[in-house]
Amino acid sequence: VKHQFQSLKGKNEIALRTKHFIDTNYTQSISLKDIADTMYVSQHYLSHLFKKEVGDSPFNYLISRRIEEAKRLLADSEMPIHEVASQVGYGNDKYFSMLFKKITGQTPSSFREQSKMGTE
């Protein structure tokens, strides 16, 4: 039986499974402990391994994954910003907006306006 990660030789399986777990569950409230428990490893080991293989911490990868999806939702829908925040796993839209601006340099609403202008 071929293992699903066999084609990705050289990459650590735990790091790949962690990335997949985050990609699948980023809309949920997940912590490093949740991920580590799912992978049956310590949080420290998971963080170290993931950063070595992926180049970023699991937490930063989770944030990036959420922000990328938020950008897509902002550009492709008229969904209110608090709903976009909720859709990508943030219950607090103020925190989401602060994080979005920190990462993209724009507020969610200015990002939406700019992406609408770019498509017209």
PDB file of N, CA and C in Angstrom:
ATOM      1  N   VAL A   1       0.854  -1.185   0.000  1.00  0.00           N
ATOM      2  CA  VAL A   1       0.000   0.000   0.000  1.00  0.00           C
ATOM      3  C   VAL A   1       0.892   1.238   0.000  1.00  0.00           C
ATOM      4  N   LYS A   2       0.665   2.118  -0.937  1.00  0.00           N
ATOM      5  CA  LYS A   2       1.438   3.364  -0.998  1.00  0.00           C
ATOM      6  C   LYS A   2       0.889   4.351   0.015  1.00  0.00           C
ATOM      7  N   HIS A   3       1.770   4.958   0.752  1.00  0.00           N
ATOM      8  CA  HIS A   3       1.350   5.963   1.731  1.00  0.00           C
ATOM      9  C   HIS A   3       1.086   7.282   1.017  1.00  0.00           C
ATOM     10  N   GLN A   4       0.103   8.030   1.487  1.00  0.00           N
ATOM     11  CA  GLN A   4      -0.282   9.261   0.798  1.00  0.00           C
ATOM     12  C   GLN A   4       0.815  10.316   0.719  1.00  0.00           C
ATOM     13  N   PHE A   5       1.817  10.251   1.614  1.00  0.00           N
ATOM     14  CA  PHE A   5       2.883  11.247   1.590  1.00  0.00           C
ATOM     15  C   PHE A   5       4.165  10.717   0.934  1.00  0.00           C
ATOM     16  N   GLN A   6       4.098   9.512   0.393  1.00  0.00           N
ATOM     17  CA  GLN A   6       5.289   8.890  -0.172  1.00  0.00           C
ATOM     18  C   GLN A   6       5.899   9.727  -1.292  1.00  0.00           C
ATOM     19  N   SER A   7       5.069  10.408  -2.057  1.00  0.00           N
ATOM     20  CA  SER A   7       5.567  11.219  -3.167  1.00  0.00           C
ATOM     21  C   SER A   7       6.308  12.467  -2.682  1.00  0.00           C
ATOM     22  N   LEU A   8       6.165  12.796  -1.429  1.00  0.00           N
ATOM     23  CA  LEU A   8       6.797  13.998  -0.892  1.00  0.00           C
ATOM     24  C   LEU A   8       8.013  13.627  -0.051  1.00  0.00           C
ATOM     25  N   LYS A   9       8.825  12.763  -0.572  1.00  0.00           N
ATOM     26  CA  LYS A   9      10.031  12.315   0.135  1.00  0.00           C
ATOM     27  C   LYS A   9      10.905  13.514   0.507  1.00  0.00           C
ATOM     28  N   GLY A  10      11.539  13.426   1.653  1.00  0.00           N
ATOM     29  CA  GLY A  10      12.407  14.506   2.091  1.00  0.00           C
ATOM     30  C   GLY A  10      11.693  15.452   3.048  1.00  0.00           C
ATOM     31  N   LYS A  11      10.392  15.516   2.972  1.00  0.00           N
ATOM     32  CA  LYS A  11       9.627  16.343   3.908  1.00  0.00           C
ATOM     33  C   LYS A  11       9.167  15.443   5.043  1.00  0.00           C
ATOM     34  N   ASN A  12       9.243  15.941   6.244  1.00  0.00           N
ATOM     35  CA  ASN A  12       8.839  15.165   7.401  1.00  0.00           C
ATOM     36  C   ASN A  12       7.330  14.942   7.389  1.00  0.00           C
ATOM     37  N   GLU A  13       6.920  13.713   7.600  1.00  0.00           N
ATOM     38  CA  GLU A  13       5.501  13.370   7.553  1.00  0.00           C
ATOM     39  C   GLU A  13       4.680  14.138   8.588  1.00  0.00           C
ATOM     40  N   ILE A  14       5.220  14.313   9.782  1.00  0.00           N
ATOM     41  CA  ILE A  14       4.475  15.037  10.820  1.00  0.00           C
ATOM     42  C   ILE A  14       4.245  16.484  10.380  1.00  0.00           C
ATOM     43  N   ALA A  15       5.258  17.110   9.785  1.00  0.00           N
ATOM     44  CA  ALA A  15       5.095  18.489   9.304  1.00  0.00           C
ATOM     45  C   ALA A  15       4.035  18.543   8.206  1.00  0.00           C
ATOM     46  N   LEU A  16       4.056  17.578   7.301  1.00  0.00           N
ATOM     47  CA  LEU A  16       3.062  17.549   6.216  1.00  0.00           C
ATOM     48  C   LEU A  16       1.658  17.299   6.759  1.00  0.00           C
ATOM     49  N   ARG A  17       1.543  16.386   7.716  1.00  0.00           N
ATOM     50  CA  ARG A  17       0.232  16.120   8.313  1.00  0.00           C
ATOM     51  C   ARG A  17      -0.265  17.332   9.086  1.00  0.00           C
ATOM     52  N   THR A  18       0.655  18.050   9.728  1.00  0.00           N
ATOM     53  CA  THR A  18       0.285  19.269  10.457  1.00  0.00           C
ATOM     54  C   THR A  18      -0.232  20.328   9.493  1.00  0.00           C
ATOM     55  N   LYS A  19       0.464  20.519   8.387  1.00  0.00           N
ATOM     56  CA  LYS A  19       0.039  21.483   7.369  1.00  0.00           C
ATOM     57  C   LYS A  19      -1.352  21.119   6.850  1.00  0.00           C
ATOM     58  N   HIS A  20      -1.554  19.837   6.566  1.00  0.00           N
ATOM     59  CA  HIS A  20      -2.857  19.367   6.093  1.00  0.00           C
ATOM     60  C   HIS A  20      -3.937  19.602   7.155  1.00  0.00           C
ATOM     61  N   PHE A  21      -3.605  19.325   8.410  1.00  0.00           N
ATOM     62  CA  PHE A  21      -4.553  19.530   9.508  1.00  0.00           C
ATOM     63  C   PHE A  21      -4.968  21.002   9.580  1.00  0.00           C
ATOM     64  N   ILE A  22      -3.988  21.898   9.487  1.00  0.00           N
ATOM     65  CA  ILE A  22      -4.284  23.339   9.540  1.00  0.00           C
ATOM     66  C   ILE A  22      -5.115  23.746   8.327  1.00  0.00           C
ATOM     67  N   ASP A  23      -4.732  23.287   7.139  1.00  0.00           N
ATOM     68  CA  ASP A  23      -5.472  23.615   5.916  1.00  0.00           C
ATOM     69  C   ASP A  23      -6.922  23.142   5.982  1.00  0.00           C
ATOM     70  N   THR A  24      -7.154  22.031   6.658  1.00  0.00           N
ATOM     71  CA  THR A  24      -8.496  21.458   6.760  1.00  0.00           C
ATOM     72  C   THR A  24      -9.323  22.111   7.870  1.00  0.00           C
ATOM     73  N   ASN A  25      -8.654  22.537   8.944  1.00  0.00           N
ATOM     74  CA  ASN A  25      -9.371  22.999  10.141  1.00  0.00           C
ATOM     75  C   ASN A  25      -9.176  24.472  10.479  1.00  0.00           C
ATOM     76  N   TYR A  26      -8.624  25.267   9.545  1.00  0.00           N
ATOM     77  CA  TYR A  26      -8.300  26.658   9.878  1.00  0.00           C
ATOM     78  C   TYR A  26      -9.523  27.487  10.276  1.00  0.00           C
ATOM     79  N   THR A  27     -10.718  27.061   9.905  1.00  0.00           N
ATOM     80  CA  THR A  27     -11.917  27.817  10.261  1.00  0.00           C
ATOM     81  C   THR A  27     -12.342  27.564  11.711  1.00  0.00           C
ATOM     82  N   GLN A  28     -11.769  26.544  12.323  1.00  0.00           N
ATOM     83  CA  GLN A  28     -12.083  26.200  13.712  1.00  0.00           C
ATOM     84  C   GLN A  28     -11.136  26.933  14.654  1.00  0.00           C
ATOM     85  N   SER A  29     -11.520  26.953  15.913  1.00  0.00           N
ATOM     86  CA  SER A  29     -10.623  27.488  16.928  1.00  0.00           C
ATOM     87  C   SER A  29      -9.658  26.368  17.302  1.00  0.00           C
ATOM     88  N   ILE A  30      -8.430  26.449  16.778  1.00  0.00           N
ATOM     89  CA  ILE A  30      -7.457  25.404  17.071  1.00  0.00           C
ATOM     90  C   ILE A  30      -6.205  26.003  17.694  1.00  0.00           C
ATOM     91  N   SER A  31      -5.638  25.260  18.619  1.00  0.00           N
ATOM     92  CA  SER A  31      -4.424  25.713  19.296  1.00  0.00           C
ATOM     93  C   SER A  31      -3.273  24.782  18.929  1.00  0.00           C
ATOM     94  N   LEU A  32      -2.083  25.205  19.257  1.00  0.00           N
ATOM     95  CA  LEU A  32      -0.913  24.365  19.033  1.00  0.00           C
ATOM     96  C   LEU A  32      -1.065  23.051  19.799  1.00  0.00           C
ATOM     97  N   LYS A  33      -1.643  23.128  21.000  1.00  0.00           N
ATOM     98  CA  LYS A  33      -1.869  21.929  21.804  1.00  0.00           C
ATOM     99  C   LYS A  33      -2.802  20.972  21.072  1.00  0.00           C
ATOM    100  N   ASP A  34      -3.871  21.492  20.475  1.00  0.00           N
ATOM    101  CA  ASP A  34      -4.801  20.647  19.720  1.00  0.00           C
ATOM    102  C   ASP A  34      -4.071  19.902  18.601  1.00  0.00           C
ATOM    103  N   ILE A  35      -3.239  20.632  17.869  1.00  0.00           N
ATOM    104  CA  ILE A  35      -2.516  20.029  16.744  1.00  0.00           C
ATOM    105  C   ILE A  35      -1.523  18.991  17.261  1.00  0.00           C
ATOM    106  N   ALA A  36      -0.760  19.363  18.273  1.00  0.00           N
ATOM    107  CA  ALA A  36       0.244  18.447  18.834  1.00  0.00           C
ATOM    108  C   ALA A  36      -0.418  17.174  19.356  1.00  0.00           C
ATOM    109  N   ASP A  37      -1.561  17.327  20.032  1.00  0.00           N
ATOM    110  CA  ASP A  37      -2.287  16.157  20.550  1.00  0.00           C
ATOM    111  C   ASP A  37      -2.750  15.261  19.398  1.00  0.00           C
ATOM    112  N   THR A  38      -3.205  15.868  18.320  1.00  0.00           N
ATOM    113  CA  THR A  38      -3.660  15.110  17.146  1.00  0.00           C
ATOM    114  C   THR A  38      -2.505  14.329  16.513  1.00  0.00           C
ATOM    115  N   MET A  39      -1.322  14.920  16.532  1.00  0.00           N
ATOM    116  CA  MET A  39      -0.136  14.286  15.923  1.00  0.00           C
ATOM    117  C   MET A  39       0.616  13.386  16.909  1.00  0.00           C
ATOM    118  N   TYR A  40       0.176  13.364  18.180  1.00  0.00           N
ATOM    119  CA  TYR A  40       0.817  12.562  19.222  1.00  0.00           C
ATOM    120  C   TYR A  40       2.277  12.952  19.449  1.00  0.00           C
ATOM    121  N   VAL A  41       2.533  14.259  19.432  1.00  0.00           N
ATOM    122  CA  VAL A  41       3.879  14.765  19.726  1.00  0.00           C
ATOM    123  C   VAL A  41       3.745  15.953  20.671  1.00  0.00           C
ATOM    124  N   SER A  42       4.880  16.396  21.233  1.00  0.00           N
ATOM    125  CA  SER A  42       4.835  17.557  22.125  1.00  0.00           C
ATOM    126  C   SER A  42       4.695  18.833  21.286  1.00  0.00           C
ATOM    127  N   GLN A  43       4.187  19.883  21.909  1.00  0.00           N
ATOM    128  CA  GLN A  43       4.031  21.165  21.225  1.00  0.00           C
ATOM    129  C   GLN A  43       5.386  21.700  20.773  1.00  0.00           C
ATOM    130  N   HIS A  44       6.390  21.573  21.635  1.00  0.00           N
ATOM    131  CA  HIS A  44       7.719  22.073  21.314  1.00  0.00           C
ATOM    132  C   HIS A  44       8.295  21.348  20.092  1.00  0.00           C
ATOM    133  N   TYR A  45       8.198  20.029  20.103  1.00  0.00           N
ATOM    134  CA  TYR A  45       8.712  19.227  18.996  1.00  0.00           C
ATOM    135  C   TYR A  45       7.981  19.583  17.701  1.00  0.00           C
ATOM    136  N   LEU A  46       6.670  19.688  17.773  1.00  0.00           N
ATOM    137  CA  LEU A  46       5.872  20.030  16.596  1.00  0.00           C
ATOM    138  C   LEU A  46       6.279  21.392  16.030  1.00  0.00           C
ATOM    139  N   SER A  47       6.401  22.386  16.894  1.00  0.00           N
ATOM    140  CA  SER A  47       6.796  23.732  16.453  1.00  0.00           C
ATOM    141  C   SER A  47       8.155  23.715  15.778  1.00  0.00           C
ATOM    142  N   HIS A  48       9.101  23.051  16.410  1.00  0.00           N
ATOM    143  CA  HIS A  48      10.462  22.990  15.887  1.00  0.00           C
ATOM    144  C   HIS A  48      10.483  22.309  14.517  1.00  0.00           C
ATOM    145  N   LEU A  49       9.829  21.172  14.426  1.00  0.00           N
ATOM    146  CA  LEU A  49       9.803  20.399  13.195  1.00  0.00           C
ATOM    147  C   LEU A  49       9.098  21.159  12.067  1.00  0.00           C
ATOM    148  N   PHE A  50       7.964  21.738  12.390  1.00  0.00           N
ATOM    149  CA  PHE A  50       7.179  22.455  11.381  1.00  0.00           C
ATOM    150  C   PHE A  50       7.973  23.643  10.846  1.00  0.00           C
ATOM    151  N   LYS A  51       8.581  24.389  11.752  1.00  0.00           N
ATOM    152  CA  LYS A  51       9.362  25.554  11.331  1.00  0.00           C
ATOM    153  C   LYS A  51      10.542  25.132  10.453  1.00  0.00           C
ATOM    154  N   LYS A  52      11.181  24.027  10.812  1.00  0.00           N
ATOM    155  CA  LYS A  52      12.309  23.520  10.032  1.00  0.00           C
ATOM    156  C   LYS A  52      11.861  23.104   8.622  1.00  0.00           C
ATOM    157  N   GLU A  53      10.713  22.453   8.517  1.00  0.00           N
ATOM    158  CA  GLU A  53      10.242  21.924   7.231  1.00  0.00           C
ATOM    159  C   GLU A  53       9.503  22.958   6.384  1.00  0.00           C
ATOM    160  N   VAL A  54       8.682  23.783   7.023  1.00  0.00           N
ATOM    161  CA  VAL A  54       7.806  24.707   6.292  1.00  0.00           C
ATOM    162  C   VAL A  54       8.364  26.130   6.258  1.00  0.00           C
ATOM    163  N   GLY A  55       9.198  26.460   7.243  1.00  0.00           N
ATOM    164  CA  GLY A  55       9.792  27.785   7.271  1.00  0.00           C
ATOM    165  C   GLY A  55       9.064  28.781   8.142  1.00  0.00           C
ATOM    166  N   ASP A  56       8.022  28.339   8.807  1.00  0.00           N
ATOM    167  CA  ASP A  56       7.261  29.218   9.695  1.00  0.00           C
ATOM    168  C   ASP A  56       6.669  28.374  10.812  1.00  0.00           C
ATOM    169  N   SER A  57       6.253  29.026  11.882  1.00  0.00           N
ATOM    170  CA  SER A  57       5.650  28.288  12.990  1.00  0.00           C
ATOM    171  C   SER A  57       4.238  27.846  12.591  1.00  0.00           C
ATOM    172  N   PRO A  58       3.714  26.802  13.240  1.00  0.00           N
ATOM    173  CA  PRO A  58       2.341  26.381  12.928  1.00  0.00           C
ATOM    174  C   PRO A  58       1.338  27.517  13.151  1.00  0.00           C
ATOM    175  N   PHE A  59       1.547  28.307  14.200  1.00  0.00           N
ATOM    176  CA  PHE A  59       0.622  29.401  14.505  1.00  0.00           C
ATOM    177  C   PHE A  59       0.646  30.466  13.407  1.00  0.00           C
ATOM    178  N   ASN A  60       1.851  30.838  12.961  1.00  0.00           N
ATOM    179  CA  ASN A  60       1.946  31.827  11.880  1.00  0.00           C
ATOM    180  C   ASN A  60       1.378  31.282  10.571  1.00  0.00           C
ATOM    181  N   TYR A  61       1.587  29.997  10.329  1.00  0.00           N
ATOM    182  CA  TYR A  61       1.012  29.380   9.128  1.00  0.00           C
ATOM    183  C   TYR A  61      -0.518  29.433   9.194  1.00  0.00           C
ATOM    184  N   LEU A  62      -1.070  29.155  10.368  1.00  0.00           N
ATOM    185  CA  LEU A  62      -2.522  29.214  10.564  1.00  0.00           C
ATOM    186  C   LEU A  62      -3.033  30.627  10.269  1.00  0.00           C
ATOM    187  N   ILE A  63      -2.368  31.632  10.800  1.00  0.00           N
ATOM    188  CA  ILE A  63      -2.774  33.019  10.558  1.00  0.00           C
ATOM    189  C   ILE A  63      -2.697  33.336   9.064  1.00  0.00           C
ATOM    190  N   SER A  64      -1.600  32.962   8.420  1.00  0.00           N
ATOM    191  CA  SER A  64      -1.445  33.219   6.984  1.00  0.00           C
ATOM    192  C   SER A  64      -2.552  32.544   6.181  1.00  0.00           C
ATOM    193  N   ARG A  65      -2.851  31.313   6.541  1.00  0.00           N
ATOM    194  CA  ARG A  65      -3.907  30.551   5.844  1.00  0.00           C
ATOM    195  C   ARG A  65      -5.244  31.267   5.978  1.00  0.00           C
ATOM    196  N   ARG A  66      -5.540  31.732   7.183  1.00  0.00           N
ATOM    197  CA  ARG A  66      -6.800  32.441   7.425  1.00  0.00           C
ATOM    198  C   ARG A  66      -6.853  33.764   6.664  1.00  0.00           C
ATOM    199  N   ILE A  67      -5.763  34.508   6.674  1.00  0.00           N
ATOM    200  CA  ILE A  67      -5.743  35.814   6.004  1.00  0.00           C
ATOM    201  C   ILE A  67      -5.872  35.639   4.490  1.00  0.00           C
ATOM    202  N   GLU A  68      -5.211  34.629   3.929  1.00  0.00           N
ATOM    203  CA  GLU A  68      -5.337  34.380   2.484  1.00  0.00           C
ATOM    204  C   GLU A  68      -6.777  34.065   2.105  1.00  0.00           C
ATOM    205  N   GLU A  69      -7.440  33.256   2.911  1.00  0.00           N
ATOM    206  CA  GLU A  69      -8.850  32.941   2.642  1.00  0.00           C
ATOM    207  C   GLU A  69      -9.716  34.184   2.822  1.00  0.00           C
ATOM    208  N   ALA A  70      -9.419  34.994   3.829  1.00  0.00           N
ATOM    209  CA  ALA A  70     -10.166  36.234   4.052  1.00  0.00           C
ATOM    210  C   ALA A  70     -10.025  37.162   2.848  1.00  0.00           C
ATOM    211  N   LYS A  71      -8.815  37.259   2.295  1.00  0.00           N
ATOM    212  CA  LYS A  71      -8.590  38.106   1.114  1.00  0.00           C
ATOM    213  C   LYS A  71      -9.466  37.635  -0.050  1.00  0.00           C
ATOM    214  N   ARG A  72      -9.533  36.312  -0.223  1.00  0.00           N
ATOM    215  CA  ARG A  72     -10.365  35.761  -1.295  1.00  0.00           C
ATOM    216  C   ARG A  72     -11.839  36.103  -1.063  1.00  0.00           C
ATOM    217  N   LEU A  73     -12.303  35.925   0.165  1.00  0.00           N
ATOM    218  CA  LEU A  73     -13.703  36.215   0.485  1.00  0.00           C
ATOM    219  C   LEU A  73     -14.023  37.706   0.329  1.00  0.00           C
ATOM    220  N   LEU A  74     -13.099  38.551   0.752  1.00  0.00           N
ATOM    221  CA  LEU A  74     -13.314  39.998   0.630  1.00  0.00           C
ATOM    222  C   LEU A  74     -13.389  40.422  -0.837  1.00  0.00           C
ATOM    223  N   ALA A  75     -12.545  39.820  -1.658  1.00  0.00           N
ATOM    224  CA  ALA A  75     -12.508  40.187  -3.077  1.00  0.00           C
ATOM    225  C   ALA A  75     -13.684  39.607  -3.851  1.00  0.00           C
ATOM    226  N   ASP A  76     -14.145  38.421  -3.471  1.00  0.00           N
ATOM    227  CA  ASP A  76     -15.134  37.699  -4.275  1.00  0.00           C
ATOM    228  C   ASP A  76     -16.554  37.726  -3.737  1.00  0.00           C
ATOM    229  N   SER A  77     -16.788  38.393  -2.616  1.00  0.00           N
ATOM    230  CA  SER A  77     -18.144  38.398  -2.056  1.00  0.00           C
ATOM    231  C   SER A  77     -18.480  39.768  -1.476  1.00  0.00           C
ATOM    232  N   GLU A  78     -19.732  39.931  -1.164  1.00  0.00           N
ATOM    233  CA  GLU A  78     -20.199  41.150  -0.493  1.00  0.00           C
ATOM    234  C   GLU A  78     -20.443  40.867   0.996  1.00  0.00           C
ATOM    235  N   MET A  79     -19.952  39.749   1.466  1.00  0.00           N
ATOM    236  CA  MET A  79     -20.131  39.333   2.852  1.00  0.00           C
ATOM    237  C   MET A  79     -19.593  40.411   3.803  1.00  0.00           C
ATOM    238  N   PRO A  80     -20.365  40.779   4.823  1.00  0.00           N
ATOM    239  CA  PRO A  80     -19.871  41.763   5.797  1.00  0.00           C
ATOM    240  C   PRO A  80     -18.565  41.279   6.444  1.00  0.00           C
ATOM    241  N   ILE A  81     -17.745  42.233   6.844  1.00  0.00           N
ATOM    242  CA  ILE A  81     -16.426  41.905   7.390  1.00  0.00           C
ATOM    243  C   ILE A  81     -16.521  41.010   8.625  1.00  0.00           C
ATOM    244  N   HIS A  82     -17.507  41.232   9.482  1.00  0.00           N
ATOM    245  CA  HIS A  82     -17.619  40.369  10.670  1.00  0.00           C
ATOM    246  C   HIS A  82     -17.932  38.924  10.272  1.00  0.00           C
ATOM    247  N   GLU A  83     -18.648  38.730   9.149  1.00  0.00           N
ATOM    248  CA  GLU A  83     -18.919  37.367   8.672  1.00  0.00           C
ATOM    249  C   GLU A  83     -17.672  36.739   8.064  1.00  0.00           C
ATOM    250  N   VAL A  84     -16.891  37.552   7.346  1.00  0.00           N
ATOM    251  CA  VAL A  84     -15.624  37.057   6.789  1.00  0.00           C
ATOM    252  C   VAL A  84     -14.731  36.600   7.949  1.00  0.00           C
ATOM    253  N   ALA A  85     -14.635  37.427   8.987  1.00  0.00           N
ATOM    254  CA  ALA A  85     -13.825  37.085  10.162  1.00  0.00           C
ATOM    255  C   ALA A  85     -14.274  35.749  10.740  1.00  0.00           C
ATOM    256  N   SER A  86     -15.564  35.588  10.898  1.00  0.00           N
ATOM    257  CA  SER A  86     -16.126  34.364  11.451  1.00  0.00           C
ATOM    258  C   SER A  86     -15.859  33.157  10.543  1.00  0.00           C
ATOM    259  N   GLN A  87     -16.008  33.350   9.244  1.00  0.00           N
ATOM    260  CA  GLN A  87     -15.786  32.276   8.264  1.00  0.00           C
ATOM    261  C   GLN A  87     -14.357  31.733   8.304  1.00  0.00           C
ATOM    262  N   VAL A  88     -13.394  32.602   8.593  1.00  0.00           N
ATOM    263  CA  VAL A  88     -11.997  32.159   8.596  1.00  0.00           C
ATOM    264  C   VAL A  88     -11.476  31.832   9.999  1.00  0.00           C
ATOM    265  N   GLY A  89     -12.379  31.777  10.980  1.00  0.00           N
ATOM    266  CA  GLY A  89     -11.983  31.288  12.297  1.00  0.00           C
ATOM    267  C   GLY A  89     -11.769  32.326  13.376  1.00  0.00           C
ATOM    268  N   TYR A  90     -12.166  33.580  13.126  1.00  0.00           N
ATOM    269  CA  TYR A  90     -12.015  34.614  14.151  1.00  0.00           C
ATOM    270  C   TYR A  90     -13.388  35.034  14.665  1.00  0.00           C
ATOM    271  N   GLY A  91     -13.620  34.836  15.957  1.00  0.00           N
ATOM    272  CA  GLY A  91     -14.884  35.234  16.557  1.00  0.00           C
ATOM    273  C   GLY A  91     -14.936  36.730  16.838  1.00  0.00           C
ATOM    274  N   ASN A  92     -13.772  37.347  16.917  1.00  0.00           N
ATOM    275  CA  ASN A  92     -13.691  38.771  17.241  1.00  0.00           C
ATOM    276  C   ASN A  92     -13.262  39.532  15.982  1.00  0.00           C
ATOM    277  N   ASP A  93     -14.190  40.286  15.396  1.00  0.00           N
ATOM    278  CA  ASP A  93     -13.875  40.970  14.131  1.00  0.00           C
ATOM    279  C   ASP A  93     -12.888  42.119  14.313  1.00  0.00           C
ATOM    280  N   LYS A  94     -12.829  42.709  15.497  1.00  0.00           N
ATOM    281  CA  LYS A  94     -11.844  43.776  15.752  1.00  0.00           C
ATOM    282  C   LYS A  94     -10.427  43.182  15.729  1.00  0.00           C
ATOM    283  N   TYR A  95     -10.273  42.027  16.370  1.00  0.00           N
ATOM    284  CA  TYR A  95      -8.979  41.345  16.371  1.00  0.00           C
ATOM    285  C   TYR A  95      -8.610  40.933  14.942  1.00  0.00           C
ATOM    286  N   PHE A  96      -9.584  40.404  14.215  1.00  0.00           N
ATOM    287  CA  PHE A  96      -9.366  40.020  12.820  1.00  0.00           C
ATOM    288  C   PHE A  96      -8.888  41.217  12.003  1.00  0.00           C
ATOM    289  N   SER A  97      -9.565  42.346  12.135  1.00  0.00           N
ATOM    290  CA  SER A  97      -9.206  43.548  11.368  1.00  0.00           C
ATOM    291  C   SER A  97      -7.797  44.033  11.714  1.00  0.00           C
ATOM    292  N   MET A  98      -7.459  43.988  13.012  1.00  0.00           N
ATOM    293  CA  MET A  98      -6.127  44.408  13.447  1.00  0.00           C
ATOM    294  C   MET A  98      -5.057  43.482  12.845  1.00  0.00           C
ATOM    295  N   LEU A  99      -5.293  42.191  12.895  1.00  0.00           N
ATOM    296  CA  LEU A  99      -4.361  41.202  12.353  1.00  0.00           C
ATOM    297  C   LEU A  99      -4.255  41.334  10.832  1.00  0.00           C
ATOM    298  N   PHE A 100      -5.394  41.519  10.180  1.00  0.00           N
ATOM    299  CA  PHE A 100      -5.425  41.667   8.722  1.00  0.00           C
ATOM    300  C   PHE A 100      -4.581  42.864   8.297  1.00  0.00           C
ATOM    301  N   LYS A 101      -4.755  43.976   9.006  1.00  0.00           N
ATOM    302  CA  LYS A 101      -3.992  45.186   8.674  1.00  0.00           C
ATOM    303  C   LYS A 101      -2.499  44.989   8.948  1.00  0.00           C
ATOM    304  N   LYS A 102      -2.181  44.318  10.050  1.00  0.00           N
ATOM    305  CA  LYS A 102      -0.781  44.068  10.398  1.00  0.00           C
ATOM    306  C   LYS A 102      -0.098  43.252   9.289  1.00  0.00           C
ATOM    307  N   ILE A 103      -0.802  42.280   8.739  1.00  0.00           N
ATOM    308  CA  ILE A 103      -0.214  41.382   7.745  1.00  0.00           C
ATOM    309  C   ILE A 103      -0.238  41.966   6.331  1.00  0.00           C
ATOM    310  N   THR A 104      -1.352  42.589   5.956  1.00  0.00           N
ATOM    311  CA  THR A 104      -1.488  43.068   4.572  1.00  0.00           C
ATOM    312  C   THR A 104      -1.157  44.547   4.405  1.00  0.00           C
ATOM    313  N   GLY A 105      -1.149  45.292   5.517  1.00  0.00           N
ATOM    314  CA  GLY A 105      -0.914  46.729   5.431  1.00  0.00           C
ATOM    315  C   GLY A 105      -2.178  47.515   5.114  1.00  0.00           C
ATOM    316  N   GLN A 106      -3.297  46.807   5.010  1.00  0.00           N
ATOM    317  CA  GLN A 106      -4.580  47.465   4.708  1.00  0.00           C
ATOM    318  C   GLN A 106      -5.663  46.941   5.641  1.00  0.00           C
ATOM    319  N   THR A 107      -6.673  47.740   5.844  1.00  0.00           N
ATOM    320  CA  THR A 107      -7.831  47.242   6.582  1.00  0.00           C
ATOM    321  C   THR A 107      -8.611  46.319   5.643  1.00  0.00           C
ATOM    322  N   PRO A 108      -9.440  45.438   6.194  1.00  0.00           N
ATOM    323  CA  PRO A 108     -10.244  44.580   5.316  1.00  0.00           C
ATOM    324  C   PRO A 108     -11.108  45.378   4.339  1.00  0.00           C
ATOM    325  N   SER A 109     -11.692  46.477   4.794  1.00  0.00           N
ATOM    326  CA  SER A 109     -12.559  47.259   3.892  1.00  0.00           C
ATOM    327  C   SER A 109     -11.763  47.951   2.793  1.00  0.00           C
ATOM    328  N   SER A 110     -10.569  48.469   3.112  1.00  0.00           N
ATOM    329  CA  SER A 110      -9.776  49.104   2.054  1.00  0.00           C
ATOM    330  C   SER A 110      -9.233  48.049   1.095  1.00  0.00           C
ATOM    331  N   PHE A 111      -8.925  46.852   1.590  1.00  0.00           N
ATOM    332  CA  PHE A 111      -8.511  45.758   0.712  1.00  0.00           C
ATOM    333  C   PHE A 111      -9.640  45.419  -0.259  1.00  0.00           C
ATOM    334  N   ARG A 112     -10.860  45.334   0.270  1.00  0.00           N
ATOM    335  CA  ARG A 112     -12.021  45.012  -0.573  1.00  0.00           C
ATOM    336  C   ARG A 112     -12.209  46.081  -1.645  1.00  0.00           C
ATOM    337  N   GLU A 113     -12.157  47.372  -1.237  1.00  0.00           N
ATOM    338  CA  GLU A 113     -12.330  48.467  -2.202  1.00  0.00           C
ATOM    339  C   GLU A 113     -11.280  48.394  -3.305  1.00  0.00           C
ATOM    340  N   GLN A 114     -10.028  48.161  -2.919  1.00  0.00           N
ATOM    341  CA  GLN A 114      -8.948  48.102  -3.893  1.00  0.00           C
ATOM    342  C   GLN A 114      -9.108  46.913  -4.838  1.00  0.00           C
ATOM    343  N   SER A 115      -9.539  45.780  -4.308  1.00  0.00           N
ATOM    344  CA  SER A 115      -9.702  44.605  -5.170  1.00  0.00           C
ATOM    345  C   SER A 115     -10.884  44.797  -6.113  1.00  0.00           C
ATOM    346  N   LYS A 116     -11.906  45.515  -5.695  1.00  0.00           N
ATOM    347  CA  LYS A 116     -13.050  45.813  -6.583  1.00  0.00           C
ATOM    348  C   LYS A 116     -12.626  46.756  -7.707  1.00  0.00           C
ATOM    349  N   MET A 117     -11.772  47.734  -7.375  1.00  0.00           N
ATOM    350  CA  MET A 117     -11.299  48.676  -8.391  1.00  0.00           C
ATOM    351  C   MET A 117     -10.418  47.977  -9.402  1.00  0.00           C
ATOM    352  N   GLY A 118      -9.669  46.995  -8.952  1.00  0.00           N
ATOM    353  CA  GLY A 118      -8.782  46.264  -9.844  1.00  0.00           C
ATOM    354  C   GLY A 118      -9.514  45.376 -10.830  1.00  0.00           C
ATOM    355  N   THR A 119     -10.755  45.023 -10.530  1.00  0.00           N
ATOM    356  CA  THR A 119     -11.515  44.131 -11.412  1.00  0.00           C
ATOM    357  C   THR A 119     -12.487  44.869 -12.305  1.00  0.00           C
ATOM    358  N   GLU A 120     -12.618  46.174 -12.107  1.00  0.00           N
ATOM    359  CA  GLU A 120     -13.579  46.932 -12.924  1.00  0.00           C
ATOM    360  C   GLU A 120     -12.952  47.434 -14.199  1.00  0.00           C
TER     361      GLU A 120
END
